[in-house]
Protein backbone atom coordinates (compact mmCIF):
# COMPACT_ATOMS: atom_id res chain seq x y z
CA UNK A 1 12.26 21.35 7.72
CA UNK A 2 12.90 19.12 4.76
CA UNK A 3 13.58 16.15 7.05
CA UNK A 4 10.32 16.70 8.89
CA UNK A 5 8.50 16.70 5.62
CA UNK A 6 10.14 13.62 4.48
CA UNK A 7 9.28 11.84 7.62
CA UNK A 8 5.76 12.83 7.31
CA UNK A 9 5.56 11.47 3.79
CA UNK A 10 7.21 8.16 4.80
CA UNK A 11 4.88 7.81 7.80
CA UNK A 12 1.76 8.52 5.80
CA UNK A 13 2.76 6.18 3.12
CA UNK A 14 3.46 3.34 5.44
CA UNK A 15 0.31 4.06 7.41
CA UNK A 16 -1.85 4.10 4.30
CA UNK A 17 -0.33 1.01 2.85
CA UNK A 18 -0.82 -0.99 6.06
CA UNK A 19 -4.37 -0.09 6.46
CA UNK A 20 -5.15 -0.61 2.75
CA UNK A 21 -3.57 -4.09 2.88
CA UNK A 22 -5.18 -5.17 6.06
CA UNK A 23 -8.51 -4.13 4.66
CA UNK A 24 -7.92 -5.84 1.40
CA UNK A 25 -6.88 -9.09 3.15
CA UNK A 26 -9.76 -9.11 5.49
CA UNK A 27 -12.22 -8.58 2.60
CA UNK A 28 -10.40 -11.51 0.76
CA UNK A 29 -10.95 -13.87 3.60
CA UNK A 30 -14.57 -12.76 4.06
CA UNK A 31 -15.32 -13.24 0.50
CA UNK A 32 -13.60 -16.59 0.23
CA UNK A 33 -15.47 -17.85 3.17
CA UNK A 34 -18.81 -16.80 1.64
CA UNK A 35 -18.24 -18.14 -1.71
CA UNK A 36 -15.25 -20.70 -1.73
CA UNK A 37 -15.79 -21.64 -5.48
CA UNK A 38 -14.58 -17.98 -6.46
CA UNK A 39 -11.36 -18.29 -4.40
CA UNK A 40 -8.97 -18.43 -7.49
CA UNK A 41 -10.62 -15.47 -9.07
CA UNK A 42 -10.58 -13.49 -5.94
CA UNK A 43 -7.04 -14.40 -5.33
CA UNK A 44 -5.86 -13.09 -8.72
CA UNK A 45 -7.79 -9.84 -8.23
CA UNK A 46 -6.21 -9.57 -4.73
CA UNK A 47 -2.58 -9.75 -5.99
CA UNK A 48 -3.36 -7.16 -8.71
CA UNK A 49 -4.76 -4.70 -6.18
CA UNK A 50 -2.09 -5.52 -3.63
CA UNK A 51 0.52 -4.48 -6.07
CA UNK A 52 -1.19 -1.29 -6.83
CA UNK A 53 -1.65 -0.52 -3.13
CA UNK A 54 1.95 -1.12 -2.52
CA UNK A 55 3.15 1.03 -5.30
CA UNK A 56 1.85 4.23 -3.54
CA UNK A 57 4.51 3.85 -0.66
CA UNK A 58 7.22 3.17 -3.24
CA UNK A 59 6.26 6.44 -5.07
CA UNK A 60 6.33 8.21 -1.65
CA UNK A 61 9.84 6.94 -0.98
CA UNK A 62 10.97 8.13 -4.41
CA UNK A 63 9.57 11.68 -3.62
CA UNK A 64 11.17 11.72 -0.21
CA UNK A 65 14.53 10.70 -1.72
CA UNK A 66 14.05 13.43 -4.32
CA UNK A 67 13.34 15.98 -1.66
CA UNK A 68 16.35 14.94 0.45
CA UNK A 69 18.93 14.92 -2.22
CA UNK A 70 17.91 17.95 -4.01
CA UNK A 71 16.93 20.23 -1.22
CA UNK A 72 19.51 19.41 1.48
């Protein structure tokens, strides 16, 4: 059962991160197309938020590894 829980955690983290990054990227392109003069500011904010979005799957992998190695 632990391995099923770990696989669900990893799948949810990967799905959430991929959806978040695709939505973030599309909004960046849309905003840059509307106001090109704000592109540098938008890019900076994009990279900060992208790092935060990618931190969630890394935390999920950490929790999954704890579950695998402490419970199994």
